[in-house]
């Protein structure tokens, strides 16, 4: 199985090297590529990513000159990696543990589902953020049929990858997660403990996450019509 791992990057210069190292260790023995999508990052993430790509031919970099946000950046990365059998999306801040990727791929390889979400577990956020995030995901689950613990850390097959790229680019889907839900393909989730962020930061937080939640709910309701 050829695996393409897509990671959106914005303000993650301190975590890119450990991310690449941990991912390489986790996927040892597999045919893999890592696509880093630099979402107009204001720090030195682009330089670090370029250096990583120069040292390892399995690492590719996409530079975006305008900040498009986490999910649009993921769609760019998925489109840039057509030669794969499975695709994985995860964040660059190391809250999504690369060590969990093989379990997602093994579950996907069973063949009865087209996407496997890494179900959110662990005390990796503040109590208020966990509460608001849980409420949002439960509402999305009711609207789409997705698992209530689904997030943007997942593995997918070609049918879902194509549906996600099309939905985000052509139908203005604000979320990769929602695009998976609207693909009409069977999905599942596996519980994965999230890490507390040791360094770096999440680029999509605060007001940006609130706007993303509102847009996602509006799009989910409209897409049902």
C-alpha atoms as a PDB file:
ATOM      1  CA  UNK A   1       0.000   0.000   0.000  1.00  0.00           C
ATOM      2  CA  UNK A   2       1.417   3.366  -1.057  1.00  0.00           C
ATOM      3  CA  UNK A   3       0.663   5.914   1.651  1.00  0.00           C
ATOM      4  CA  UNK A   4       0.600   9.703   1.294  1.00  0.00           C
ATOM      5  CA  UNK A   5       0.536  11.682   4.548  1.00  0.00           C
ATOM      6  CA  UNK A   6      -0.679  15.268   4.167  1.00  0.00           C
ATOM      7  CA  UNK A   7       0.099  17.860   6.842  1.00  0.00           C
ATOM      8  CA  UNK A   8      -1.004  21.525   6.779  1.00  0.00           C
ATOM      9  CA  UNK A   9       1.655  23.819   8.256  1.00  0.00           C
ATOM     10  CA  UNK A  10       1.283  27.288   9.730  1.00  0.00           C
ATOM     11  CA  UNK A  11       3.547  28.351  12.565  1.00  0.00           C
ATOM     12  CA  UNK A  12       5.039  24.907  13.175  1.00  0.00           C
ATOM     13  CA  UNK A  13       8.771  25.361  12.587  1.00  0.00           C
ATOM     14  CA  UNK A  14       9.657  23.705  15.921  1.00  0.00           C
ATOM     15  CA  UNK A  15       7.612  20.544  15.361  1.00  0.00           C
ATOM     16  CA  UNK A  16       8.269  19.660  11.714  1.00  0.00           C
ATOM     17  CA  UNK A  17      11.532  17.785  12.281  1.00  0.00           C
ATOM     18  CA  UNK A  18      10.234  15.627  15.159  1.00  0.00           C
ATOM     19  CA  UNK A  19       7.048  15.057  13.170  1.00  0.00           C
ATOM     20  CA  UNK A  20       8.987  13.754  10.157  1.00  0.00           C
ATOM     21  CA  UNK A  21      11.222  11.608  12.357  1.00  0.00           C
ATOM     22  CA  UNK A  22       8.368  10.057  14.314  1.00  0.00           C
ATOM     23  CA  UNK A  23       6.349   9.463  11.167  1.00  0.00           C
ATOM     24  CA  UNK A  24       9.294   7.785   9.433  1.00  0.00           C
ATOM     25  CA  UNK A  25       9.755   5.492  12.420  1.00  0.00           C
ATOM     26  CA  UNK A  26       6.045   4.672  12.606  1.00  0.00           C
ATOM     27  CA  UNK A  27       5.860   3.849   8.878  1.00  0.00           C
ATOM     28  CA  UNK A  28       9.124   1.909   8.664  1.00  0.00           C
ATOM     29  CA  UNK A  29       8.740  -0.894   6.135  1.00  0.00           C
ATOM     30  CA  UNK A  30       5.896   0.841   4.290  1.00  0.00           C
ATOM     31  CA  UNK A  31       5.932   2.781   1.018  1.00  0.00           C
ATOM     32  CA  UNK A  32       5.170   6.310   2.189  1.00  0.00           C
ATOM     33  CA  UNK A  33       5.394   9.977   1.262  1.00  0.00           C
ATOM     34  CA  UNK A  34       4.927  13.087   3.365  1.00  0.00           C
ATOM     35  CA  UNK A  35       3.403  16.211   1.826  1.00  0.00           C
ATOM     36  CA  UNK A  36       3.900  19.384   3.882  1.00  0.00           C
ATOM     37  CA  UNK A  37       1.574  22.202   2.822  1.00  0.00           C
ATOM     38  CA  UNK A  38       3.013  25.538   3.951  1.00  0.00           C
ATOM     39  CA  UNK A  39      -0.093  27.676   4.419  1.00  0.00           C
ATOM     40  CA  UNK A  40       1.576  31.095   4.049  1.00  0.00           C
ATOM     41  CA  UNK A  41       3.319  30.432   7.364  1.00  0.00           C
ATOM     42  CA  UNK A  42       4.768  33.582   8.980  1.00  0.00           C
ATOM     43  CA  UNK A  43       7.692  31.757  10.624  1.00  0.00           C
ATOM     44  CA  UNK A  44      10.514  29.606   9.244  1.00  0.00           C
ATOM     45  CA  UNK A  45       8.326  26.551   8.633  1.00  0.00           C
ATOM     46  CA  UNK A  46       8.923  26.807   4.884  1.00  0.00           C
ATOM     47  CA  UNK A  47      12.691  26.755   5.311  1.00  0.00           C
ATOM     48  CA  UNK A  48      12.537  23.780   7.675  1.00  0.00           C
ATOM     49  CA  UNK A  49      10.225  21.923   5.301  1.00  0.00           C
ATOM     50  CA  UNK A  50      12.521  22.654   2.367  1.00  0.00           C
ATOM     51  CA  UNK A  51      15.497  21.302   4.291  1.00  0.00           C
ATOM     52  CA  UNK A  52      13.589  18.146   5.194  1.00  0.00           C
ATOM     53  CA  UNK A  53      12.639  17.631   1.544  1.00  0.00           C
ATOM     54  CA  UNK A  54      16.243  18.110   0.513  1.00  0.00           C
ATOM     55  CA  UNK A  55      17.350  15.377   2.902  1.00  0.00           C
ATOM     56  CA  UNK A  56      14.600  12.857   2.068  1.00  0.00           C
ATOM     57  CA  UNK A  57      13.095  12.325  -1.393  1.00  0.00           C
ATOM     58  CA  UNK A  58       9.929  10.981   0.219  1.00  0.00           C
ATOM     59  CA  UNK A  59       9.077  14.429   1.559  1.00  0.00           C
ATOM     60  CA  UNK A  60       7.402  16.961  -0.730  1.00  0.00           C
ATOM     61  CA  UNK A  61       6.454  20.573  -0.035  1.00  0.00           C
ATOM     62  CA  UNK A  62       3.615  22.724  -1.359  1.00  0.00           C
ATOM     63  CA  UNK A  63       3.965  26.464  -0.732  1.00  0.00           C
ATOM     64  CA  UNK A  64       0.777  28.561  -0.583  1.00  0.00           C
ATOM     65  CA  UNK A  65       1.304  32.313  -0.800  1.00  0.00           C
ATOM     66  CA  UNK A  66      -2.122  33.122   0.682  1.00  0.00           C
ATOM     67  CA  UNK A  67      -3.343  31.685   3.962  1.00  0.00           C
ATOM     68  CA  UNK A  68      -6.299  29.440   3.100  1.00  0.00           C
ATOM     69  CA  UNK A  69      -6.835  27.647   6.406  1.00  0.00           C
ATOM     70  CA  UNK A  70      -6.350  24.102   7.625  1.00  0.00           C
ATOM     71  CA  UNK A  71      -8.940  22.273   5.545  1.00  0.00           C
ATOM     72  CA  UNK A  72      -8.309  24.022   2.236  1.00  0.00           C
ATOM     73  CA  UNK A  73      -4.596  23.395   2.777  1.00  0.00           C
ATOM     74  CA  UNK A  74      -5.353  19.701   3.296  1.00  0.00           C
ATOM     75  CA  UNK A  75      -7.285  19.633   0.016  1.00  0.00           C
ATOM     76  CA  UNK A  76      -4.289  21.173  -1.779  1.00  0.00           C
ATOM     77  CA  UNK A  77      -2.046  18.502  -0.316  1.00  0.00           C
ATOM     78  CA  UNK A  78      -4.390  15.655  -1.194  1.00  0.00           C
ATOM     79  CA  UNK A  79      -4.577  16.925  -4.778  1.00  0.00           C
ATOM     80  CA  UNK A  80      -0.774  17.125  -4.949  1.00  0.00           C
ATOM     81  CA  UNK A  81      -0.377  13.416  -4.079  1.00  0.00           C
ATOM     82  CA  UNK A  82      -2.365  11.444  -6.701  1.00  0.00           C
ATOM     83  CA  UNK A  83      -0.091   8.376  -6.770  1.00  0.00           C
ATOM     84  CA  UNK A  84      -1.121   6.614  -3.580  1.00  0.00           C
ATOM     85  CA  UNK A  85      -3.467   3.900  -2.381  1.00  0.00           C
ATOM     86  CA  UNK A  86      -4.245   5.512   0.970  1.00  0.00           C
ATOM     87  CA  UNK A  87      -4.052   9.059   2.266  1.00  0.00           C
ATOM     88  CA  UNK A  88      -3.625  10.270   5.850  1.00  0.00           C
ATOM     89  CA  UNK A  89      -4.340  13.749   7.188  1.00  0.00           C
ATOM     90  CA  UNK A  90      -2.920  14.978  10.496  1.00  0.00           C
ATOM     91  CA  UNK A  91      -1.846  18.207  12.153  1.00  0.00           C
ATOM     92  CA  UNK A  92       1.723  19.450  12.396  1.00  0.00           C
ATOM     93  CA  UNK A  93       1.664  20.412  16.085  1.00  0.00           C
ATOM     94  CA  UNK A  94       2.172  16.817  17.333  1.00  0.00           C
ATOM     95  CA  UNK A  95      -1.176  16.584  19.107  1.00  0.00           C
ATOM     96  CA  UNK A  96      -2.027  13.962  16.485  1.00  0.00           C
ATOM     97  CA  UNK A  97       0.493  11.199  17.309  1.00  0.00           C
ATOM     98  CA  UNK A  98       2.209   9.823  14.185  1.00  0.00           C
ATOM     99  CA  UNK A  99       2.498   6.490  15.984  1.00  0.00           C
ATOM    100  CA  UNK A 100      -1.261   6.012  15.527  1.00  0.00           C
ATOM    101  CA  UNK A 101      -1.067   6.150  11.716  1.00  0.00           C
ATOM    102  CA  UNK A 102      -0.324   2.418  11.202  1.00  0.00           C
ATOM    103  CA  UNK A 103      -3.432   1.440  13.177  1.00  0.00           C
ATOM    104  CA  UNK A 104      -5.593   3.674  10.962  1.00  0.00           C
ATOM    105  CA  UNK A 105      -4.034   2.203   7.818  1.00  0.00           C
ATOM    106  CA  UNK A 106      -4.467  -1.378   9.021  1.00  0.00           C
ATOM    107  CA  UNK A 107      -8.141  -0.728   9.760  1.00  0.00           C
ATOM    108  CA  UNK A 108      -8.595   0.897   6.348  1.00  0.00           C
ATOM    109  CA  UNK A 109      -6.918  -2.086   4.683  1.00  0.00           C
ATOM    110  CA  UNK A 110      -9.658  -4.379   6.004  1.00  0.00           C
ATOM    111  CA  UNK A 111     -11.670  -3.087   3.058  1.00  0.00           C
ATOM    112  CA  UNK A 112     -15.108  -2.629   4.616  1.00  0.00           C
ATOM    113  CA  UNK A 113     -14.796   1.146   5.104  1.00  0.00           C
ATOM    114  CA  UNK A 114     -13.407   3.995   3.017  1.00  0.00           C
ATOM    115  CA  UNK A 115     -12.227   6.240   5.836  1.00  0.00           C
ATOM    116  CA  UNK A 116     -11.014   5.719   9.400  1.00  0.00           C
ATOM    117  CA  UNK A 117     -11.028   8.626  11.840  1.00  0.00           C
ATOM    118  CA  UNK A 118      -8.731   8.831  14.851  1.00  0.00           C
ATOM    119  CA  UNK A 119     -11.372   9.305  17.528  1.00  0.00           C
ATOM    120  CA  UNK A 120     -10.414  12.050  19.957  1.00  0.00           C
ATOM    121  CA  UNK A 121      -9.386  10.894  23.420  1.00  0.00           C
ATOM    122  CA  UNK A 122      -7.335  12.463  26.200  1.00  0.00           C
ATOM    123  CA  UNK A 123      -7.064  15.767  28.051  1.00  0.00           C
ATOM    124  CA  UNK A 124      -5.255  17.675  25.324  1.00  0.00           C
ATOM    125  CA  UNK A 125      -7.445  20.804  25.436  1.00  0.00           C
ATOM    126  CA  UNK A 126      -8.940  23.053  28.075  1.00  0.00           C
ATOM    127  CA  UNK A 127     -12.221  21.911  29.598  1.00  0.00           C
ATOM    128  CA  UNK A 128     -14.189  24.653  27.827  1.00  0.00           C
ATOM    129  CA  UNK A 129     -12.654  23.901  24.432  1.00  0.00           C
ATOM    130  CA  UNK A 130     -13.315  20.181  24.888  1.00  0.00           C
ATOM    131  CA  UNK A 131     -16.922  20.940  25.768  1.00  0.00           C
ATOM    132  CA  UNK A 132     -17.571  23.250  22.808  1.00  0.00           C
ATOM    133  CA  UNK A 133     -15.727  20.889  20.461  1.00  0.00           C
ATOM    134  CA  UNK A 134     -17.754  17.911  21.671  1.00  0.00           C
ATOM    135  CA  UNK A 135     -21.035  19.768  21.166  1.00  0.00           C
ATOM    136  CA  UNK A 136     -19.985  20.827  17.664  1.00  0.00           C
ATOM    137  CA  UNK A 137     -18.946  17.293  16.671  1.00  0.00           C
ATOM    138  CA  UNK A 138     -22.175  15.799  17.997  1.00  0.00           C
ATOM    139  CA  UNK A 139     -24.258  18.240  15.964  1.00  0.00           C
ATOM    140  CA  UNK A 140     -22.172  17.472  12.860  1.00  0.00           C
ATOM    141  CA  UNK A 141     -22.583  13.753  13.540  1.00  0.00           C
ATOM    142  CA  UNK A 142     -26.374  14.135  13.627  1.00  0.00           C
ATOM    143  CA  UNK A 143     -26.305  16.044  10.336  1.00  0.00           C
ATOM    144  CA  UNK A 144     -23.877  13.793   8.464  1.00  0.00           C
ATOM    145  CA  UNK A 145     -23.893  10.346  10.078  1.00  0.00           C
ATOM    146  CA  UNK A 146     -20.194  10.645  10.922  1.00  0.00           C
ATOM    147  CA  UNK A 147     -18.801   9.188  14.165  1.00  0.00           C
ATOM    148  CA  UNK A 148     -19.224  11.757  16.984  1.00  0.00           C
ATOM    149  CA  UNK A 149     -15.475  11.703  17.672  1.00  0.00           C
ATOM    150  CA  UNK A 150     -14.446  12.377  14.057  1.00  0.00           C
ATOM    151  CA  UNK A 151     -11.803  15.020  13.398  1.00  0.00           C
ATOM    152  CA  UNK A 152      -9.210  15.981  10.806  1.00  0.00           C
ATOM    153  CA  UNK A 153      -6.860  13.131  11.762  1.00  0.00           C
ATOM    154  CA  UNK A 154      -7.913  10.275   9.499  1.00  0.00           C
ATOM    155  CA  UNK A 155      -6.977   7.778   6.792  1.00  0.00           C
ATOM    156  CA  UNK A 156      -8.958   7.483   3.555  1.00  0.00           C
ATOM    157  CA  UNK A 157      -9.096   5.540   0.308  1.00  0.00           C
ATOM    158  CA  UNK A 158      -9.152   6.889  -3.251  1.00  0.00           C
ATOM    159  CA  UNK A 159     -12.936   7.313  -3.430  1.00  0.00           C
ATOM    160  CA  UNK A 160     -13.019   9.507  -0.337  1.00  0.00           C
ATOM    161  CA  UNK A 161      -9.877  11.394  -1.314  1.00  0.00           C
ATOM    162  CA  UNK A 162     -11.420  12.307  -4.674  1.00  0.00           C
ATOM    163  CA  UNK A 163     -14.695  13.309  -2.992  1.00  0.00           C
ATOM    164  CA  UNK A 164     -12.887  15.501  -0.467  1.00  0.00           C
ATOM    165  CA  UNK A 165     -10.820  17.344  -3.072  1.00  0.00           C
ATOM    166  CA  UNK A 166     -13.916  17.934  -5.199  1.00  0.00           C
ATOM    167  CA  UNK A 167     -16.099  19.083  -2.295  1.00  0.00           C
ATOM    168  CA  UNK A 168     -13.556  21.540  -0.900  1.00  0.00           C
ATOM    169  CA  UNK A 169     -12.478  22.938  -4.264  1.00  0.00           C
ATOM    170  CA  UNK A 170     -15.721  22.868  -6.242  1.00  0.00           C
ATOM    171  CA  UNK A 171     -18.507  22.990  -3.633  1.00  0.00           C
ATOM    172  CA  UNK A 172     -16.829  25.219  -1.066  1.00  0.00           C
ATOM    173  CA  UNK A 173     -16.950  22.621   1.687  1.00  0.00           C
ATOM    174  CA  UNK A 174     -15.385  24.312   4.733  1.00  0.00           C
ATOM    175  CA  UNK A 175     -14.199  21.069   6.290  1.00  0.00           C
ATOM    176  CA  UNK A 176     -12.476  17.887   5.149  1.00  0.00           C
ATOM    177  CA  UNK A 177     -14.466  16.075   7.828  1.00  0.00           C
ATOM    178  CA  UNK A 178     -17.788  17.253   6.395  1.00  0.00           C
ATOM    179  CA  UNK A 179     -16.636  16.381   2.887  1.00  0.00           C
ATOM    180  CA  UNK A 180     -15.961  12.816   4.053  1.00  0.00           C
ATOM    181  CA  UNK A 181     -19.438  12.697   5.549  1.00  0.00           C
ATOM    182  CA  UNK A 182     -20.994  13.818   2.280  1.00  0.00           C
ATOM    183  CA  UNK A 183     -18.991  11.293   0.219  1.00  0.00           C
ATOM    184  CA  UNK A 184     -21.597   8.599   0.836  1.00  0.00           C
ATOM    185  CA  UNK A 185     -18.897   6.067   1.704  1.00  0.00           C
ATOM    186  CA  UNK A 186     -18.809   3.897   4.859  1.00  0.00           C
ATOM    187  CA  UNK A 187     -16.559   5.239   7.624  1.00  0.00           C
ATOM    188  CA  UNK A 188     -15.559   4.323  11.155  1.00  0.00           C
ATOM    189  CA  UNK A 189     -13.322   5.567  13.953  1.00  0.00           C
ATOM    190  CA  UNK A 190     -10.666   4.196  16.280  1.00  0.00           C
ATOM    191  CA  UNK A 191      -9.967   5.729  19.696  1.00  0.00           C
ATOM    192  CA  UNK A 192      -6.621   7.541  19.742  1.00  0.00           C
ATOM    193  CA  UNK A 193      -5.156   9.337  22.746  1.00  0.00           C
ATOM    194  CA  UNK A 194      -4.065  12.855  21.859  1.00  0.00           C
ATOM    195  CA  UNK A 195      -0.826  14.317  23.133  1.00  0.00           C
ATOM    196  CA  UNK A 196      -0.584  17.538  25.095  1.00  0.00           C
ATOM    197  CA  UNK A 197       1.223  19.988  22.853  1.00  0.00           C
ATOM    198  CA  UNK A 198       4.803  20.132  24.155  1.00  0.00           C
ATOM    199  CA  UNK A 199       5.939  22.927  21.857  1.00  0.00           C
ATOM    200  CA  UNK A 200       4.765  24.939  18.906  1.00  0.00           C
ATOM    201  CA  UNK A 201       1.193  26.061  18.547  1.00  0.00           C
ATOM    202  CA  UNK A 202      -2.007  25.399  16.725  1.00  0.00           C
ATOM    203  CA  UNK A 203      -2.399  27.857  13.871  1.00  0.00           C
ATOM    204  CA  UNK A 204      -6.163  27.504  13.667  1.00  0.00           C
ATOM    205  CA  UNK A 205      -7.524  28.455  17.080  1.00  0.00           C
ATOM    206  CA  UNK A 206      -9.651  31.015  18.875  1.00  0.00           C
ATOM    207  CA  UNK A 207     -11.787  33.109  16.535  1.00  0.00           C
ATOM    208  CA  UNK A 208     -10.615  31.166  13.479  1.00  0.00           C
ATOM    209  CA  UNK A 209     -11.902  27.907  14.981  1.00  0.00           C
ATOM    210  CA  UNK A 210     -15.200  29.549  15.933  1.00  0.00           C
ATOM    211  CA  UNK A 211     -15.700  30.861  12.395  1.00  0.00           C
ATOM    212  CA  UNK A 212     -14.795  27.423  11.056  1.00  0.00           C
ATOM    213  CA  UNK A 213     -17.394  25.785  13.311  1.00  0.00           C
ATOM    214  CA  UNK A 214     -20.137  28.168  12.211  1.00  0.00           C
ATOM    215  CA  UNK A 215     -19.299  27.738   8.520  1.00  0.00           C
ATOM    216  CA  UNK A 216     -19.214  23.974   8.929  1.00  0.00           C
ATOM    217  CA  UNK A 217     -22.639  23.811  10.547  1.00  0.00           C
ATOM    218  CA  UNK A 218     -24.187  26.106   7.930  1.00  0.00           C
ATOM    219  CA  UNK A 219     -22.681  24.066   5.079  1.00  0.00           C
ATOM    220  CA  UNK A 220     -23.776  20.780   6.664  1.00  0.00           C
ATOM    221  CA  UNK A 221     -27.375  21.999   6.911  1.00  0.00           C
ATOM    222  CA  UNK A 222     -27.439  23.390   3.370  1.00  0.00           C
ATOM    223  CA  UNK A 223     -25.840  20.271   1.882  1.00  0.00           C
ATOM    224  CA  UNK A 224     -28.712  18.145   3.215  1.00  0.00           C
ATOM    225  CA  UNK A 225     -31.225  19.962   1.029  1.00  0.00           C
END
